[in-house]
Amino acid sequence: MTHRISYQEKPLVQRDDKWDMVKGIGIIFMVLGHSGIPCSIHDFIYLFHMGLFFFVSGYFLKLPKNYEEIKWHQDYYLFVKKKLKALWLPFVEYGLFFLALHNVFYDILLIKNPYSLSDS
């Protein structure tokens, strides 16, 4: 006897092409800013590209469904804890991994400049 599982289809969310273009332009500016372009263009891009990413990510931040009924002393703590666990912890883990990888590459002479606080 086979059981047929019924899946409810989620309604498709209509994407807003304007936001897709804003994100695409931000990505292009990020790549250009890190590609060694002339100083004047580099400085212009660095005026706003990080602010653009912060604005767009804040715009698409998913708030809890019961936003009006939030008990901020409890739910805000859980919200921050969840975001730290999902975003900050992987950042630290990958950062430590790549730092160790860098040190290994430095020890076997694949990289010539060490990370140092004395390099000013």
N, C-alpha and C. Protein backbone atom coordinates (compact mmCIF):
# COMPACT_ATOMS: atom_id res chain seq x y z
N MET A 1 0.85 -1.18 0.00
CA MET A 1 0.00 0.00 0.00
C MET A 1 0.89 1.24 0.00
N THR A 2 0.67 2.09 -0.94
CA THR A 2 1.46 3.31 -1.01
C THR A 2 0.65 4.48 -0.49
N HIS A 3 1.34 5.34 0.18
CA HIS A 3 0.69 6.54 0.71
C HIS A 3 1.10 7.71 -0.15
N ARG A 4 0.16 8.46 -0.53
CA ARG A 4 0.42 9.63 -1.33
C ARG A 4 0.47 10.84 -0.41
N ILE A 5 1.58 11.54 -0.46
CA ILE A 5 1.74 12.72 0.38
C ILE A 5 1.29 13.93 -0.41
N SER A 6 0.46 14.71 0.21
CA SER A 6 -0.05 15.91 -0.45
C SER A 6 0.75 17.11 0.03
N TYR A 7 1.37 17.79 -0.89
CA TYR A 7 2.12 19.00 -0.56
C TYR A 7 1.28 20.21 -0.93
N GLN A 8 1.23 21.15 0.00
CA GLN A 8 0.54 22.39 -0.32
C GLN A 8 1.50 23.29 -1.07
N GLU A 9 1.04 23.80 -2.17
CA GLU A 9 1.90 24.68 -2.95
C GLU A 9 1.87 26.07 -2.34
N LYS A 10 3.07 26.63 -2.19
CA LYS A 10 3.16 27.99 -1.69
C LYS A 10 2.83 28.95 -2.83
N PRO A 11 2.10 29.99 -2.52
CA PRO A 11 1.84 30.96 -3.58
C PRO A 11 3.15 31.64 -3.96
N LEU A 12 3.37 31.83 -5.25
CA LEU A 12 4.59 32.46 -5.72
C LEU A 12 4.57 33.95 -5.37
N VAL A 13 5.67 34.40 -4.84
CA VAL A 13 5.80 35.81 -4.49
C VAL A 13 6.33 36.53 -5.71
N GLN A 14 5.66 37.58 -6.09
CA GLN A 14 6.08 38.36 -7.24
C GLN A 14 7.33 39.15 -6.89
N ARG A 15 8.39 38.95 -7.64
CA ARG A 15 9.64 39.68 -7.40
C ARG A 15 9.54 41.07 -8.00
N ASP A 16 10.17 42.00 -7.31
CA ASP A 16 10.19 43.37 -7.78
C ASP A 16 11.50 43.59 -8.53
N ASP A 17 11.39 43.81 -9.84
CA ASP A 17 12.58 43.96 -10.68
C ASP A 17 13.45 45.15 -10.26
N LYS A 18 12.84 46.17 -9.69
CA LYS A 18 13.62 47.34 -9.27
C LYS A 18 14.63 46.95 -8.21
N TRP A 19 14.22 46.14 -7.22
CA TRP A 19 15.14 45.73 -6.16
C TRP A 19 16.20 44.78 -6.69
N ASP A 20 15.84 43.94 -7.65
CA ASP A 20 16.84 43.07 -8.26
C ASP A 20 17.90 43.91 -8.97
N MET A 21 17.48 44.98 -9.63
CA MET A 21 18.44 45.86 -10.31
C MET A 21 19.31 46.61 -9.30
N VAL A 22 18.72 47.06 -8.20
CA VAL A 22 19.50 47.76 -7.17
C VAL A 22 20.56 46.82 -6.59
N LYS A 23 20.16 45.58 -6.31
CA LYS A 23 21.14 44.61 -5.79
C LYS A 23 22.22 44.31 -6.82
N GLY A 24 21.84 44.18 -8.08
CA GLY A 24 22.81 43.92 -9.14
C GLY A 24 23.79 45.06 -9.32
N ILE A 25 23.29 46.29 -9.27
CA ILE A 25 24.17 47.46 -9.38
C ILE A 25 25.11 47.51 -8.18
N GLY A 26 24.61 47.21 -7.00
CA GLY A 26 25.46 47.16 -5.82
C GLY A 26 26.57 46.13 -5.94
N ILE A 27 26.24 44.97 -6.49
CA ILE A 27 27.25 43.92 -6.68
C ILE A 27 28.29 44.37 -7.70
N ILE A 28 27.84 45.00 -8.78
CA ILE A 28 28.78 45.50 -9.79
C ILE A 28 29.70 46.55 -9.18
N PHE A 29 29.15 47.48 -8.39
CA PHE A 29 29.99 48.48 -7.74
C PHE A 29 30.97 47.83 -6.76
N MET A 30 30.55 46.79 -6.07
CA MET A 30 31.44 46.10 -5.13
C MET A 30 32.62 45.49 -5.90
N VAL A 31 32.33 44.83 -7.01
CA VAL A 31 33.40 44.22 -7.81
C VAL A 31 34.33 45.30 -8.37
N LEU A 32 33.75 46.38 -8.91
CA LEU A 32 34.57 47.46 -9.45
C LEU A 32 35.43 48.10 -8.36
N GLY A 33 34.87 48.31 -7.18
CA GLY A 33 35.61 48.93 -6.10
C GLY A 33 36.80 48.12 -5.64
N HIS A 34 36.73 46.81 -5.82
CA HIS A 34 37.83 45.94 -5.39
C HIS A 34 38.69 45.48 -6.55
N SER A 35 38.54 46.10 -7.71
CA SER A 35 39.27 45.62 -8.89
C SER A 35 40.46 46.47 -9.28
N GLY A 36 40.76 47.51 -8.54
CA GLY A 36 41.91 48.33 -8.87
C GLY A 36 41.63 49.39 -9.91
N ILE A 37 40.43 49.93 -9.92
CA ILE A 37 40.08 50.99 -10.87
C ILE A 37 40.72 52.31 -10.43
N PRO A 38 40.69 53.34 -11.27
CA PRO A 38 41.30 54.62 -10.89
C PRO A 38 40.74 55.17 -9.58
N CYS A 39 41.57 55.91 -8.91
CA CYS A 39 41.28 56.37 -7.55
C CYS A 39 39.99 57.18 -7.44
N SER A 40 39.72 58.05 -8.41
CA SER A 40 38.53 58.89 -8.32
C SER A 40 37.24 58.06 -8.39
N ILE A 41 37.21 57.05 -9.25
CA ILE A 41 36.03 56.19 -9.35
C ILE A 41 35.94 55.32 -8.10
N HIS A 42 37.07 54.82 -7.65
CA HIS A 42 37.12 54.01 -6.43
C HIS A 42 36.55 54.80 -5.25
N ASP A 43 36.99 56.05 -5.09
CA ASP A 43 36.51 56.88 -3.98
C ASP A 43 35.02 57.16 -4.10
N PHE A 44 34.52 57.37 -5.32
CA PHE A 44 33.10 57.61 -5.53
C PHE A 44 32.28 56.39 -5.12
N ILE A 45 32.71 55.20 -5.53
CA ILE A 45 31.99 53.97 -5.19
C ILE A 45 32.01 53.74 -3.68
N TYR A 46 33.14 54.04 -3.04
CA TYR A 46 33.25 53.82 -1.61
C TYR A 46 32.44 54.82 -0.78
N LEU A 47 31.89 55.83 -1.43
CA LEU A 47 31.01 56.76 -0.71
C LEU A 47 29.71 56.10 -0.28
N PHE A 48 29.23 55.14 -1.06
CA PHE A 48 27.88 54.64 -0.80
C PHE A 48 27.68 53.14 -0.92
N HIS A 49 28.63 52.37 -1.44
CA HIS A 49 28.31 50.97 -1.73
C HIS A 49 27.98 50.15 -0.49
N MET A 50 28.65 50.36 0.63
CA MET A 50 28.31 49.61 1.84
C MET A 50 26.98 50.06 2.43
N GLY A 51 26.73 51.36 2.39
CA GLY A 51 25.43 51.86 2.84
C GLY A 51 24.29 51.28 2.02
N LEU A 52 24.52 51.13 0.73
CA LEU A 52 23.51 50.53 -0.14
C LEU A 52 23.20 49.10 0.30
N PHE A 53 24.23 48.33 0.59
CA PHE A 53 24.00 46.95 1.03
C PHE A 53 23.28 46.91 2.38
N PHE A 54 23.64 47.78 3.30
CA PHE A 54 22.95 47.82 4.59
C PHE A 54 21.48 48.20 4.40
N PHE A 55 21.21 49.17 3.56
CA PHE A 55 19.83 49.60 3.33
C PHE A 55 19.00 48.47 2.72
N VAL A 56 19.53 47.84 1.69
CA VAL A 56 18.78 46.78 1.00
C VAL A 56 18.57 45.58 1.92
N SER A 57 19.60 45.20 2.69
CA SER A 57 19.42 44.05 3.58
C SER A 57 18.43 44.38 4.70
N GLY A 58 18.42 45.61 5.19
CA GLY A 58 17.44 46.01 6.19
C GLY A 58 16.03 46.04 5.63
N TYR A 59 15.90 46.44 4.37
CA TYR A 59 14.58 46.48 3.73
C TYR A 59 13.98 45.08 3.63
N PHE A 60 14.82 44.08 3.39
CA PHE A 60 14.33 42.72 3.23
C PHE A 60 14.41 41.88 4.50
N LEU A 61 14.70 42.53 5.62
CA LEU A 61 14.75 41.83 6.91
C LEU A 61 13.37 41.26 7.24
N LYS A 62 13.34 39.99 7.59
CA LYS A 62 12.07 39.34 7.93
C LYS A 62 11.80 39.52 9.41
N LEU A 63 10.78 40.24 9.74
CA LEU A 63 10.37 40.41 11.13
C LEU A 63 9.41 39.31 11.52
N PRO A 64 9.28 39.04 12.79
CA PRO A 64 8.32 38.02 13.22
C PRO A 64 6.91 38.37 12.77
N LYS A 65 6.08 37.34 12.57
CA LYS A 65 4.72 37.55 12.09
C LYS A 65 3.88 38.36 13.07
N ASN A 66 4.11 38.16 14.35
CA ASN A 66 3.33 38.89 15.36
C ASN A 66 4.08 40.14 15.80
N TYR A 67 4.54 40.92 14.85
CA TYR A 67 5.39 42.09 15.11
C TYR A 67 4.75 43.06 16.09
N GLU A 68 3.44 43.28 15.99
CA GLU A 68 2.78 44.24 16.87
C GLU A 68 2.69 43.73 18.30
N GLU A 69 2.71 42.42 18.49
CA GLU A 69 2.53 41.84 19.81
C GLU A 69 3.85 41.41 20.46
N ILE A 70 4.96 41.88 19.94
CA ILE A 70 6.26 41.43 20.45
C ILE A 70 6.49 41.95 21.87
N LYS A 71 6.93 41.05 22.71
CA LYS A 71 7.42 41.44 24.02
C LYS A 71 8.92 41.64 23.84
N TRP A 72 9.33 42.89 23.67
CA TRP A 72 10.69 43.16 23.24
C TRP A 72 11.74 42.62 24.19
N HIS A 73 11.48 42.56 25.47
CA HIS A 73 12.50 42.06 26.40
C HIS A 73 12.78 40.58 26.20
N GLN A 74 11.84 39.82 25.64
CA GLN A 74 12.05 38.39 25.40
C GLN A 74 12.32 38.11 23.92
N ASP A 75 11.44 38.55 23.07
CA ASP A 75 11.55 38.23 21.65
C ASP A 75 12.74 38.90 20.99
N TYR A 76 13.07 40.11 21.43
CA TYR A 76 14.21 40.79 20.84
C TYR A 76 15.49 40.04 21.18
N TYR A 77 15.62 39.54 22.40
CA TYR A 77 16.78 38.75 22.79
C TYR A 77 16.88 37.49 21.93
N LEU A 78 15.77 36.80 21.72
CA LEU A 78 15.78 35.60 20.89
C LEU A 78 16.11 35.92 19.45
N PHE A 79 15.58 37.05 18.95
CA PHE A 79 15.86 37.47 17.58
C PHE A 79 17.35 37.73 17.39
N VAL A 80 17.96 38.47 18.30
CA VAL A 80 19.39 38.78 18.21
C VAL A 80 20.21 37.50 18.36
N LYS A 81 19.81 36.64 19.27
CA LYS A 81 20.53 35.37 19.47
C LYS A 81 20.49 34.52 18.19
N LYS A 82 19.33 34.47 17.55
CA LYS A 82 19.19 33.69 16.31
C LYS A 82 20.05 34.28 15.20
N LYS A 83 20.06 35.61 15.07
CA LYS A 83 20.86 36.25 14.03
C LYS A 83 22.35 36.07 14.29
N LEU A 84 22.77 36.17 15.55
CA LEU A 84 24.17 35.96 15.87
C LEU A 84 24.60 34.54 15.54
N LYS A 85 23.73 33.59 15.86
CA LYS A 85 24.03 32.20 15.59
C LYS A 85 24.09 31.93 14.08
N ALA A 86 23.22 32.58 13.33
CA ALA A 86 23.14 32.32 11.89
C ALA A 86 24.16 33.13 11.09
N LEU A 87 24.56 34.30 11.55
CA LEU A 87 25.43 35.17 10.77
C LEU A 87 26.82 35.34 11.37
N TRP A 88 26.90 35.69 12.64
CA TRP A 88 28.19 36.01 13.25
C TRP A 88 29.04 34.76 13.45
N LEU A 89 28.43 33.70 13.95
CA LEU A 89 29.18 32.48 14.24
C LEU A 89 29.83 31.89 12.98
N PRO A 90 29.12 31.75 11.86
CA PRO A 90 29.80 31.28 10.65
C PRO A 90 30.89 32.24 10.18
N PHE A 91 30.69 33.54 10.35
CA PHE A 91 31.72 34.51 9.99
C PHE A 91 32.99 34.27 10.78
N VAL A 92 32.87 34.06 12.08
CA VAL A 92 34.04 33.82 12.93
C VAL A 92 34.68 32.48 12.57
N GLU A 93 33.87 31.44 12.38
CA GLU A 93 34.42 30.13 12.05
C GLU A 93 35.20 30.16 10.74
N TYR A 94 34.61 30.74 9.69
CA TYR A 94 35.31 30.82 8.40
C TYR A 94 36.53 31.74 8.50
N GLY A 95 36.43 32.82 9.27
CA GLY A 95 37.56 33.71 9.44
C GLY A 95 38.74 33.00 10.08
N LEU A 96 38.48 32.22 11.11
CA LEU A 96 39.55 31.46 11.76
C LEU A 96 40.12 30.40 10.83
N PHE A 97 39.26 29.75 10.07
CA PHE A 97 39.72 28.75 9.11
C PHE A 97 40.66 29.37 8.08
N PHE A 98 40.25 30.51 7.50
CA PHE A 98 41.09 31.13 6.48
C PHE A 98 42.34 31.77 7.07
N LEU A 99 42.29 32.20 8.31
CA LEU A 99 43.50 32.69 8.97
C LEU A 99 44.50 31.55 9.16
N ALA A 100 44.00 30.39 9.59
CA ALA A 100 44.88 29.22 9.73
C ALA A 100 45.43 28.80 8.37
N LEU A 101 44.58 28.82 7.36
CA LEU A 101 45.01 28.47 6.01
C LEU A 101 46.08 29.45 5.52
N HIS A 102 45.89 30.73 5.79
CA HIS A 102 46.88 31.74 5.43
C HIS A 102 48.20 31.46 6.11
N ASN A 103 48.15 31.12 7.41
CA ASN A 103 49.39 30.86 8.14
C ASN A 103 50.11 29.62 7.59
N VAL A 104 49.37 28.61 7.20
CA VAL A 104 49.99 27.43 6.59
C VAL A 104 50.64 27.82 5.27
N PHE A 105 49.93 28.59 4.45
CA PHE A 105 50.51 29.03 3.17
C PHE A 105 51.75 29.89 3.39
N TYR A 106 51.73 30.71 4.44
CA TYR A 106 52.89 31.54 4.75
C TYR A 106 54.08 30.67 5.18
N ASP A 107 53.80 29.65 5.98
CA ASP A 107 54.87 28.77 6.45
C ASP A 107 55.51 27.97 5.32
N ILE A 108 54.72 27.62 4.31
CA ILE A 108 55.30 26.85 3.19
C ILE A 108 55.69 27.77 2.03
N LEU A 109 55.75 29.06 2.31
CA LEU A 109 56.27 30.08 1.39
C LEU A 109 55.43 30.29 0.13
N LEU A 110 54.14 30.02 0.20
CA LEU A 110 53.26 30.36 -0.92
C LEU A 110 52.78 31.81 -0.84
N ILE A 111 52.80 32.37 0.37
CA ILE A 111 52.43 33.76 0.59
C ILE A 111 53.63 34.44 1.22
N LYS A 112 53.96 35.65 0.74
CA LYS A 112 55.18 36.30 1.21
C LYS A 112 54.95 37.35 2.28
N ASN A 113 53.75 37.87 2.44
CA ASN A 113 53.54 38.91 3.45
C ASN A 113 52.66 38.38 4.59
N PRO A 114 53.18 38.41 5.80
CA PRO A 114 52.38 37.94 6.93
C PRO A 114 51.42 39.02 7.40
N TYR A 115 50.37 38.63 8.10
CA TYR A 115 49.52 39.60 8.77
C TYR A 115 50.29 40.06 10.00
N SER A 116 50.39 41.35 10.16
CA SER A 116 51.17 41.84 11.29
C SER A 116 50.64 43.19 11.71
N LEU A 117 50.66 43.46 13.03
CA LEU A 117 50.27 44.77 13.52
C LEU A 117 51.40 45.78 13.38
N SER A 118 52.63 45.31 13.16
CA SER A 118 53.76 46.22 13.05
C SER A 118 53.91 46.80 11.65
N ASP A 119 53.15 46.29 10.66
CA ASP A 119 53.22 46.84 9.30
C ASP A 119 52.35 48.08 9.22
N SER A 120 52.96 49.25 9.28
CA SER A 120 52.18 50.48 9.23
C SER A 120 52.58 51.30 8.04
